[in-house]
PDB file of N, CA and C in Angstrom:
ATOM      1  N   MET A   1      -7.775   2.147 -16.436  1.00  0.00           N
ATOM      2  CA  MET A   1      -7.074   3.419 -16.370  1.00  0.00           C
ATOM      3  C   MET A   1      -6.547   3.623 -14.952  1.00  0.00           C
ATOM      4  N   ALA A   2      -5.291   3.952 -14.827  1.00  0.00           N
ATOM      5  CA  ALA A   2      -4.662   4.136 -13.523  1.00  0.00           C
ATOM      6  C   ALA A   2      -5.037   5.483 -12.911  1.00  0.00           C
ATOM      7  N   THR A   3      -5.161   5.478 -11.597  1.00  0.00           N
ATOM      8  CA  THR A   3      -5.466   6.681 -10.827  1.00  0.00           C
ATOM      9  C   THR A   3      -4.429   6.814  -9.727  1.00  0.00           C
ATOM     10  N   ASP A   4      -3.906   8.024  -9.542  1.00  0.00           N
ATOM     11  CA  ASP A   4      -2.972   8.300  -8.458  1.00  0.00           C
ATOM     12  C   ASP A   4      -3.708   9.007  -7.330  1.00  0.00           C
ATOM     13  N   LEU A   5      -3.538   8.496  -6.106  1.00  0.00           N
ATOM     14  CA  LEU A   5      -4.156   9.092  -4.923  1.00  0.00           C
ATOM     15  C   LEU A   5      -3.080   9.445  -3.911  1.00  0.00           C
ATOM     16  N   LYS A   6      -3.256  10.574  -3.223  1.00  0.00           N
ATOM     17  CA  LYS A   6      -2.330  11.028  -2.196  1.00  0.00           C
ATOM     18  C   LYS A   6      -2.863  10.654  -0.815  1.00  0.00           C
ATOM     19  N   TYR A   7      -1.942  10.236   0.065  1.00  0.00           N
ATOM     20  CA  TYR A   7      -2.283   9.911   1.450  1.00  0.00           C
ATOM     21  C   TYR A   7      -1.413  10.765   2.370  1.00  0.00           C
ATOM     22  N   HIS A   8      -2.034  11.323   3.382  1.00  0.00           N
ATOM     23  CA  HIS A   8      -1.365  12.240   4.294  1.00  0.00           C
ATOM     24  C   HIS A   8      -0.266  11.555   5.086  1.00  0.00           C
ATOM     25  N   SER A   9       0.749  12.307   5.434  1.00  0.00           N
ATOM     26  CA  SER A   9       1.906  11.767   6.145  1.00  0.00           C
ATOM     27  C   SER A   9       1.625  11.437   7.609  1.00  0.00           C
ATOM     28  N   ARG A  10       0.485  11.858   8.145  1.00  0.00           N
ATOM     29  CA  ARG A  10       0.167  11.576   9.547  1.00  0.00           C
ATOM     30  C   ARG A  10      -0.379  10.176   9.764  1.00  0.00           C
ATOM     31  N   HIS A  11      -0.725   9.472   8.703  1.00  0.00           N
ATOM     32  CA  HIS A  11      -1.295   8.126   8.851  1.00  0.00           C
ATOM     33  C   HIS A  11      -0.313   7.183   9.536  1.00  0.00           C
ATOM     34  N   SER A  12      -0.845   6.358  10.424  1.00  0.00           N
ATOM     35  CA  SER A  12      -0.077   5.220  10.930  1.00  0.00           C
ATOM     36  C   SER A  12      -0.102   4.156   9.837  1.00  0.00           C
ATOM     37  N   LEU A  13       0.677   3.102  10.009  1.00  0.00           N
ATOM     38  CA  LEU A  13       0.675   2.022   9.019  1.00  0.00           C
ATOM     39  C   LEU A  13      -0.725   1.416   8.895  1.00  0.00           C
ATOM     40  N   GLY A  14      -1.389   1.187  10.010  1.00  0.00           N
ATOM     41  CA  GLY A  14      -2.742   0.635   9.991  1.00  0.00           C
ATOM     42  C   GLY A  14      -3.744   1.554   9.312  1.00  0.00           C
ATOM     43  N   GLN A  15      -3.633   2.861   9.557  1.00  0.00           N
ATOM     44  CA  GLN A  15      -4.544   3.821   8.927  1.00  0.00           C
ATOM     45  C   GLN A  15      -4.323   3.879   7.419  1.00  0.00           C
ATOM     46  N   LEU A  16      -3.049   3.839   6.996  1.00  0.00           N
ATOM     47  CA  LEU A  16      -2.752   3.859   5.563  1.00  0.00           C
ATOM     48  C   LEU A  16      -3.303   2.603   4.896  1.00  0.00           C
ATOM     49  N   GLU A  17      -3.097   1.455   5.511  1.00  0.00           N
ATOM     50  CA  GLU A  17      -3.608   0.196   4.955  1.00  0.00           C
ATOM     51  C   GLU A  17      -5.124   0.251   4.815  1.00  0.00           C
ATOM     52  N   LEU A  18      -5.815   0.728   5.838  1.00  0.00           N
ATOM     53  CA  LEU A  18      -7.280   0.827   5.794  1.00  0.00           C
ATOM     54  C   LEU A  18      -7.733   1.798   4.710  1.00  0.00           C
ATOM     55  N   ALA A  19      -7.074   2.947   4.608  1.00  0.00           N
ATOM     56  CA  ALA A  19      -7.443   3.929   3.583  1.00  0.00           C
ATOM     57  C   ALA A  19      -7.250   3.352   2.182  1.00  0.00           C
ATOM     58  N   MET A  20      -6.127   2.670   1.968  1.00  0.00           N
ATOM     59  CA  MET A  20      -5.879   2.074   0.651  1.00  0.00           C
ATOM     60  C   MET A  20      -6.878   0.962   0.351  1.00  0.00           C
ATOM     61  N   ARG A  21      -7.194   0.141   1.348  1.00  0.00           N
ATOM     62  CA  ARG A  21      -8.200  -0.920   1.148  1.00  0.00           C
ATOM     63  C   ARG A  21      -9.531  -0.316   0.704  1.00  0.00           C
ATOM     64  N   ASN A  22      -9.955   0.736   1.374  1.00  0.00           N
ATOM     65  CA  ASN A  22     -11.221   1.384   1.028  1.00  0.00           C
ATOM     66  C   ASN A  22     -11.167   1.978  -0.373  1.00  0.00           C
ATOM     67  N   ASP A  23     -10.066   2.653  -0.697  1.00  0.00           N
ATOM     68  CA  ASP A  23      -9.947   3.285  -2.016  1.00  0.00           C
ATOM     69  C   ASP A  23      -9.857   2.257  -3.138  1.00  0.00           C
ATOM     70  N   GLU A  24      -9.299   1.089  -2.860  1.00  0.00           N
ATOM     71  CA  GLU A  24      -9.238   0.046  -3.889  1.00  0.00           C
ATOM     72  C   GLU A  24     -10.634  -0.349  -4.372  1.00  0.00           C
ATOM     73  N   GLN A  25     -11.608  -0.278  -3.516  1.00  0.00           N
ATOM     74  CA  GLN A  25     -12.970  -0.662  -3.903  1.00  0.00           C
ATOM     75  C   GLN A  25     -13.575   0.337  -4.894  1.00  0.00           C
ATOM     76  N   TRP A  26     -13.085   1.568  -4.900  1.00  0.00           N
ATOM     77  CA  TRP A  26     -13.571   2.591  -5.832  1.00  0.00           C
ATOM     78  C   TRP A  26     -12.683   2.734  -7.060  1.00  0.00           C
ATOM     79  N   TRP A  27     -11.359   2.669  -6.854  1.00  0.00           N
ATOM     80  CA  TRP A  27     -10.410   3.027  -7.900  1.00  0.00           C
ATOM     81  C   TRP A  27      -9.668   1.835  -8.497  1.00  0.00           C
ATOM     82  N   GLY A  28      -9.789   0.650  -7.905  1.00  0.00           N
ATOM     83  CA  GLY A  28      -9.100  -0.530  -8.415  1.00  0.00           C
ATOM     84  C   GLY A  28      -7.913  -0.909  -7.549  1.00  0.00           C
ATOM     85  N   ALA A  29      -7.283  -2.009  -7.887  1.00  0.00           N
ATOM     86  CA  ALA A  29      -6.214  -2.598  -7.091  1.00  0.00           C
ATOM     87  C   ALA A  29      -4.958  -1.731  -7.068  1.00  0.00           C
ATOM     88  N   LEU A  30      -4.281  -1.724  -5.929  1.00  0.00           N
ATOM     89  CA  LEU A  30      -3.002  -1.043  -5.769  1.00  0.00           C
ATOM     90  C   LEU A  30      -1.974  -1.686  -6.691  1.00  0.00           C
ATOM     91  N   THR A  31      -1.227  -0.845  -7.439  1.00  0.00           N
ATOM     92  CA  THR A  31      -0.173  -1.361  -8.308  1.00  0.00           C
ATOM     93  C   THR A  31       1.201  -0.815  -7.935  1.00  0.00           C
ATOM     94  N   ALA A  32       1.255   0.355  -7.276  1.00  0.00           N
ATOM     95  CA  ALA A  32       2.534   0.965  -6.905  1.00  0.00           C
ATOM     96  C   ALA A  32       2.292   2.058  -5.871  1.00  0.00           C
ATOM     97  N   PHE A  33       3.355   2.397  -5.129  1.00  0.00           N
ATOM     98  CA  PHE A  33       3.297   3.534  -4.215  1.00  0.00           C
ATOM     99  C   PHE A  33       4.706   4.068  -4.002  1.00  0.00           C
ATOM    100  N   GLU A  34       4.781   5.365  -3.720  1.00  0.00           N
ATOM    101  CA  GLU A  34       6.061   6.038  -3.518  1.00  0.00           C
ATOM    102  C   GLU A  34       5.844   7.300  -2.691  1.00  0.00           C
ATOM    103  N   VAL A  35       6.940   7.864  -2.201  1.00  0.00           N
ATOM    104  CA  VAL A  35       6.886   9.114  -1.448  1.00  0.00           C
ATOM    105  C   VAL A  35       7.144  10.260  -2.413  1.00  0.00           C
ATOM    106  N   ILE A  36       6.257  11.239  -2.391  1.00  0.00           N
ATOM    107  CA  ILE A  36       6.409  12.482  -3.144  1.00  0.00           C
ATOM    108  C   ILE A  36       6.245  13.612  -2.130  1.00  0.00           C
ATOM    109  N   ASP A  37       7.280  14.452  -2.014  1.00  0.00           N
ATOM    110  CA  ASP A  37       7.308  15.502  -0.998  1.00  0.00           C
ATOM    111  C   ASP A  37       7.069  14.871   0.367  1.00  0.00           C
ATOM    112  N   ASN A  38       5.969  15.205   1.019  1.00  0.00           N
ATOM    113  CA  ASN A  38       5.703  14.673   2.357  1.00  0.00           C
ATOM    114  C   ASN A  38       4.399  13.877   2.399  1.00  0.00           C
ATOM    115  N   TYR A  39       4.090  13.180   1.323  1.00  0.00           N
ATOM    116  CA  TYR A  39       2.903  12.334   1.306  1.00  0.00           C
ATOM    117  C   TYR A  39       3.186  11.062   0.515  1.00  0.00           C
ATOM    118  N   THR A  40       2.299  10.102   0.655  1.00  0.00           N
ATOM    119  CA  THR A  40       2.397   8.843  -0.079  1.00  0.00           C
ATOM    120  C   THR A  40       1.507   8.947  -1.316  1.00  0.00           C
ATOM    121  N   LEU A  41       2.071   8.660  -2.460  1.00  0.00           N
ATOM    122  CA  LEU A  41       1.323   8.634  -3.714  1.00  0.00           C
ATOM    123  C   LEU A  41       1.137   7.180  -4.110  1.00  0.00           C
ATOM    124  N   ALA A  42      -0.110   6.755  -4.217  1.00  0.00           N
ATOM    125  CA  ALA A  42      -0.422   5.366  -4.590  1.00  0.00           C
ATOM    126  C   ALA A  42      -1.081   5.354  -5.960  1.00  0.00           C
ATOM    127  N   THR A  43      -0.712   4.379  -6.772  1.00  0.00           N
ATOM    128  CA  THR A  43      -1.316   4.184  -8.083  1.00  0.00           C
ATOM    129  C   THR A  43      -2.252   2.994  -7.983  1.00  0.00           C
ATOM    130  N   LEU A  44      -3.509   3.239  -8.348  1.00  0.00           N
ATOM    131  CA  LEU A  44      -4.529   2.191  -8.312  1.00  0.00           C
ATOM    132  C   LEU A  44      -5.153   2.076  -9.694  1.00  0.00           C
ATOM    133  N   GLY A  45      -5.613   0.873 -10.041  1.00  0.00           N
ATOM    134  CA  GLY A  45      -6.247   0.685 -11.337  1.00  0.00           C
ATOM    135  C   GLY A  45      -6.750  -0.728 -11.510  1.00  0.00           C
ATOM    136  N   ASP A  46      -7.276  -1.010 -12.679  1.00  0.00           N
ATOM    137  CA  ASP A  46      -7.849  -2.312 -13.009  1.00  0.00           C
ATOM    138  C   ASP A  46      -9.074  -2.609 -12.148  1.00  0.00           C
ATOM    139  N   GLU A  47      -9.379  -3.870 -11.984  1.00  0.00           N
ATOM    140  CA  GLU A  47     -10.574  -4.289 -11.246  1.00  0.00           C
ATOM    141  C   GLU A  47     -10.364  -4.189  -9.735  1.00  0.00           C
ATOM    142  N   PRO A  48     -11.397  -3.823  -8.995  1.00  0.00           N
ATOM    143  CA  PRO A  48     -11.277  -3.834  -7.531  1.00  0.00           C
ATOM    144  C   PRO A  48     -11.007  -5.250  -7.031  1.00  0.00           C
ATOM    145  N   PRO A  49     -10.114  -5.383  -6.060  1.00  0.00           N
ATOM    146  CA  PRO A  49      -9.812  -6.702  -5.505  1.00  0.00           C
ATOM    147  C   PRO A  49     -10.858  -7.108  -4.467  1.00  0.00           C
ATOM    148  N   ALA A  50     -10.689  -8.291  -3.917  1.00  0.00           N
ATOM    149  CA  ALA A  50     -11.565  -8.728  -2.824  1.00  0.00           C
ATOM    150  C   ALA A  50     -11.440  -7.743  -1.654  1.00  0.00           C
ATOM    151  N   ILE A  51     -12.526  -7.522  -0.969  1.00  0.00           N
ATOM    152  CA  ILE A  51     -12.544  -6.593   0.166  1.00  0.00           C
ATOM    153  C   ILE A  51     -11.550  -7.051   1.217  1.00  0.00           C
ATOM    154  N   ASP A  52     -10.795  -6.083   1.759  1.00  0.00           N
ATOM    155  CA  ASP A  52      -9.833  -6.311   2.847  1.00  0.00           C
ATOM    156  C   ASP A  52      -8.745  -7.319   2.495  1.00  0.00           C
ATOM    157  N   SER A  53      -8.351  -7.409   1.228  1.00  0.00           N
ATOM    158  CA  SER A  53      -7.317  -8.372   0.840  1.00  0.00           C
ATOM    159  C   SER A  53      -5.910  -7.772   0.858  1.00  0.00           C
ATOM    160  N   LEU A  54      -5.791  -6.439   0.977  1.00  0.00           N
ATOM    161  CA  LEU A  54      -4.492  -5.774   0.972  1.00  0.00           C
ATOM    162  C   LEU A  54      -3.844  -5.853   2.352  1.00  0.00           C
ATOM    163  N   VAL A  55      -2.548  -6.182   2.368  1.00  0.00           N
ATOM    164  CA  VAL A  55      -1.765  -6.205   3.605  1.00  0.00           C
ATOM    165  C   VAL A  55      -0.472  -5.436   3.353  1.00  0.00           C
ATOM    166  N   LEU A  56      -0.178  -4.442   4.197  1.00  0.00           N
ATOM    167  CA  LEU A  56       1.072  -3.699   4.124  1.00  0.00           C
ATOM    168  C   LEU A  56       1.958  -4.104   5.291  1.00  0.00           C
ATOM    169  N   LEU A  57       3.216  -4.438   4.996  1.00  0.00           N
ATOM    170  CA  LEU A  57       4.170  -4.808   6.037  1.00  0.00           C
ATOM    171  C   LEU A  57       5.468  -4.038   5.833  1.00  0.00           C
ATOM    172  N   PRO A  58       6.137  -3.643   6.929  1.00  0.00           N
ATOM    173  CA  PRO A  58       7.431  -2.967   6.799  1.00  0.00           C
ATOM    174  C   PRO A  58       8.485  -3.908   6.210  1.00  0.00           C
ATOM    175  N   MET A  59       9.345  -3.354   5.378  1.00  0.00           N
ATOM    176  CA  MET A  59      10.471  -4.113   4.844  1.00  0.00           C
ATOM    177  C   MET A  59      11.487  -4.315   5.970  1.00  0.00           C
ATOM    178  N   ILE A  60      12.308  -5.320   5.830  1.00  0.00           N
ATOM    179  CA  ILE A  60      13.384  -5.593   6.778  1.00  0.00           C
ATOM    180  C   ILE A  60      14.666  -5.157   6.071  1.00  0.00           C
ATOM    181  N   GLY A  61      15.039  -3.896   6.257  1.00  0.00           N
ATOM    182  CA  GLY A  61      16.109  -3.306   5.453  1.00  0.00           C
ATOM    183  C   GLY A  61      15.615  -3.209   4.022  1.00  0.00           C
ATOM    184  N   ASP A  62      16.307  -3.878   3.108  1.00  0.00           N
ATOM    185  CA  ASP A  62      15.859  -3.933   1.707  1.00  0.00           C
ATOM    186  C   ASP A  62      15.249  -5.285   1.364  1.00  0.00           C
ATOM    187  N   THR A  63      14.961  -6.078   2.389  1.00  0.00           N
ATOM    188  CA  THR A  63      14.432  -7.426   2.196  1.00  0.00           C
ATOM    189  C   THR A  63      12.923  -7.458   2.429  1.00  0.00           C
ATOM    190  N   VAL A  64      12.210  -8.135   1.539  1.00  0.00           N
ATOM    191  CA  VAL A  64      10.763  -8.300   1.686  1.00  0.00           C
ATOM    192  C   VAL A  64      10.495  -9.225   2.872  1.00  0.00           C
ATOM    193  N   PRO A  65       9.575  -8.847   3.757  1.00  0.00           N
ATOM    194  CA  PRO A  65       9.262  -9.726   4.886  1.00  0.00           C
ATOM    195  C   PRO A  65       8.527 -10.983   4.406  1.00  0.00           C
ATOM    196  N   PRO A  66       8.491 -12.007   5.246  1.00  0.00           N
ATOM    197  CA  PRO A  66       7.726 -13.203   4.871  1.00  0.00           C
ATOM    198  C   PRO A  66       6.263 -12.844   4.602  1.00  0.00           C
ATOM    199  N   ALA A  67       5.706 -13.468   3.586  1.00  0.00           N
ATOM    200  CA  ALA A  67       4.309 -13.201   3.222  1.00  0.00           C
ATOM    201  C   ALA A  67       3.378 -13.781   4.279  1.00  0.00           C
ATOM    202  N   PRO A  68       2.310 -13.034   4.606  1.00  0.00           N
ATOM    203  CA  PRO A  68       1.288 -13.608   5.483  1.00  0.00           C
ATOM    204  C   PRO A  68       0.695 -14.845   4.808  1.00  0.00           C
ATOM    205  N   GLY A  69       0.169 -15.772   5.587  1.00  0.00           N
ATOM    206  CA  GLY A  69      -0.407 -17.001   5.048  1.00  0.00           C
ATOM    207  C   GLY A  69      -1.388 -16.740   3.918  1.00  0.00           C
ATOM    208  N   GLY A  70      -1.168 -17.374   2.792  1.00  0.00           N
ATOM    209  CA  GLY A  70      -2.076 -17.270   1.654  1.00  0.00           C
ATOM    210  C   GLY A  70      -1.977 -15.974   0.879  1.00  0.00           C
ATOM    211  N   ALA A  71      -0.934 -15.171   1.111  1.00  0.00           N
ATOM    212  CA  ALA A  71      -0.797 -13.880   0.428  1.00  0.00           C
ATOM    213  C   ALA A  71       0.353 -13.923  -0.572  1.00  0.00           C
ATOM    214  N   GLU A  72       0.240 -13.072  -1.598  1.00  0.00           N
ATOM    215  CA  GLU A  72       1.281 -12.939  -2.611  1.00  0.00           C
ATOM    216  C   GLU A  72       1.750 -11.500  -2.658  1.00  0.00           C
ATOM    217  N   LEU A  73       3.029 -11.307  -2.917  1.00  0.00           N
ATOM    218  CA  LEU A  73       3.604  -9.971  -3.025  1.00  0.00           C
ATOM    219  C   LEU A  73       3.049  -9.258  -4.253  1.00  0.00           C
ATOM    220  N   ILE A  74       2.586  -8.025  -4.065  1.00  0.00           N
ATOM    221  CA  ILE A  74       2.113  -7.189  -5.176  1.00  0.00           C
ATOM    222  C   ILE A  74       3.243  -6.284  -5.648  1.00  0.00           C
ATOM    223  N   THR A  75       3.806  -5.526  -4.691  1.00  0.00           N
ATOM    224  CA  THR A  75       4.838  -4.551  -5.011  1.00  0.00           C
ATOM    225  C   THR A  75       5.524  -4.112  -3.726  1.00  0.00           C
ATOM    226  N   THR A  76       6.631  -3.425  -3.892  1.00  0.00           N
ATOM    227  CA  THR A  76       7.298  -2.778  -2.764  1.00  0.00           C
ATOM    228  C   THR A  76       7.426  -1.302  -3.101  1.00  0.00           C
ATOM    229  N   GLY A  77       7.595  -0.496  -2.085  1.00  0.00           N
ATOM    230  CA  GLY A  77       7.748   0.933  -2.301  1.00  0.00           C
ATOM    231  C   GLY A  77       8.021   1.630  -0.989  1.00  0.00           C
ATOM    232  N   GLU A  78       7.883   2.936  -1.015  1.00  0.00           N
ATOM    233  CA  GLU A  78       8.109   3.730   0.181  1.00  0.00           C
ATOM    234  C   GLU A  78       6.866   4.563   0.447  1.00  0.00           C
ATOM    235  N   ALA A  79       6.526   4.691   1.727  1.00  0.00           N
ATOM    236  CA  ALA A  79       5.378   5.481   2.155  1.00  0.00           C
ATOM    237  C   ALA A  79       5.804   6.356   3.329  1.00  0.00           C
ATOM    238  N   VAL A  80       5.016   7.394   3.611  1.00  0.00           N
ATOM    239  CA  VAL A  80       5.272   8.224   4.786  1.00  0.00           C
ATOM    240  C   VAL A  80       4.337   7.736   5.881  1.00  0.00           C
ATOM    241  N   ILE A  81       4.929   7.202   6.949  1.00  0.00           N
ATOM    242  CA  ILE A  81       4.177   6.661   8.071  1.00  0.00           C
ATOM    243  C   ILE A  81       4.479   7.506   9.297  1.00  0.00           C
ATOM    244  N   SER A  82       3.440   8.101   9.871  1.00  0.00           N
ATOM    245  CA  SER A  82       3.590   8.970  11.052  1.00  0.00           C
ATOM    246  C   SER A  82       4.707   9.992  10.848  1.00  0.00           C
ATOM    247  N   GLY A  83       4.757  10.564   9.650  1.00  0.00           N
ATOM    248  CA  GLY A  83       5.706  11.619   9.335  1.00  0.00           C
ATOM    249  C   GLY A  83       7.084  11.163   8.902  1.00  0.00           C
ATOM    250  N   GLU A  84       7.343   9.855   8.882  1.00  0.00           N
ATOM    251  CA  GLU A  84       8.661   9.327   8.518  1.00  0.00           C
ATOM    252  C   GLU A  84       8.571   8.394   7.314  1.00  0.00           C
ATOM    253  N   PRO A  85       9.509   8.502   6.362  1.00  0.00           N
ATOM    254  CA  PRO A  85       9.511   7.567   5.241  1.00  0.00           C
ATOM    255  C   PRO A  85       9.808   6.149   5.723  1.00  0.00           C
ATOM    256  N   MET A  86       9.120   5.176   5.142  1.00  0.00           N
ATOM    257  CA  MET A  86       9.294   3.781   5.515  1.00  0.00           C
ATOM    258  C   MET A  86       9.136   2.914   4.271  1.00  0.00           C
ATOM    259  N   LYS A  87      10.044   1.960   4.095  1.00  0.00           N
ATOM    260  CA  LYS A  87       9.932   0.995   3.005  1.00  0.00           C
ATOM    261  C   LYS A  87       8.891  -0.053   3.399  1.00  0.00           C
ATOM    262  N   LEU A  88       7.980  -0.328   2.466  1.00  0.00           N
ATOM    263  CA  LEU A  88       6.893  -1.285   2.719  1.00  0.00           C
ATOM    264  C   LEU A  88       6.791  -2.303   1.600  1.00  0.00           C
ATOM    265  N   ALA A  89       6.231  -3.440   1.959  1.00  0.00           N
ATOM    266  CA  ALA A  89       5.847  -4.458   0.980  1.00  0.00           C
ATOM    267  C   ALA A  89       4.332  -4.587   1.017  1.00  0.00           C
ATOM    268  N   ALA A  90       3.722  -4.627  -0.156  1.00  0.00           N
ATOM    269  CA  ALA A  90       2.263  -4.785  -0.262  1.00  0.00           C
ATOM    270  C   ALA A  90       1.965  -6.195  -0.730  1.00  0.00           C
ATOM    271  N   PHE A  91       1.087  -6.869   0.008  1.00  0.00           N
ATOM    272  CA  PHE A  91       0.678  -8.242  -0.295  1.00  0.00           C
ATOM    273  C   PHE A  91      -0.823  -8.282  -0.557  1.00  0.00           C
ATOM    274  N   ARG A  92      -1.245  -9.307  -1.292  1.00  0.00           N
ATOM    275  CA  ARG A  92      -2.669  -9.528  -1.561  1.00  0.00           C
ATOM    276  C   ARG A  92      -3.025 -10.922  -1.050  1.00  0.00           C
ATOM    277  N   ARG A  93      -4.012 -10.979  -0.166  1.00  0.00           N
ATOM    278  CA  ARG A  93      -4.524 -12.276   0.283  1.00  0.00           C
ATOM    279  C   ARG A  93      -5.441 -12.818  -0.791  1.00  0.00           C
ATOM    280  N   GLY A  94      -5.284 -14.123  -1.085  1.00  0.00           N
ATOM    281  CA  GLY A  94      -6.046 -14.752  -2.144  1.00  0.00           C
ATOM    282  C   GLY A  94      -7.423 -15.048  -1.725  1.00  0.00           C
TER     283      GLY A  94
END
C-alpha cells in the first residue's frame, strides 16, 4: 500500500535525501515525488530497500545525470530544496 509523505521546503538536498532514506525503512521504497504547494510530496510503498541505498541528484536541465557507480534510476521528479523547486533524479544503489 502506497503512503504519501510531505517534506518541508527548508530541507537542503542532503537533508531531504537523509529524511527519505530514513522514512523508506518504515514506509517502503520511494516510487515518486513531486512539488505540491511549497513542500515535496513523496510516495513510498512496497518493501523497505537496503539501508542508505537511495541517492538523489540534481537533473541537468531535463537530462538525467550519470548514475553513481552501481546505481539504477528509480524515478525523476521535482522537489523543493532550500525553498526553491528543483528537478531531481532518484537512484538506488544495488
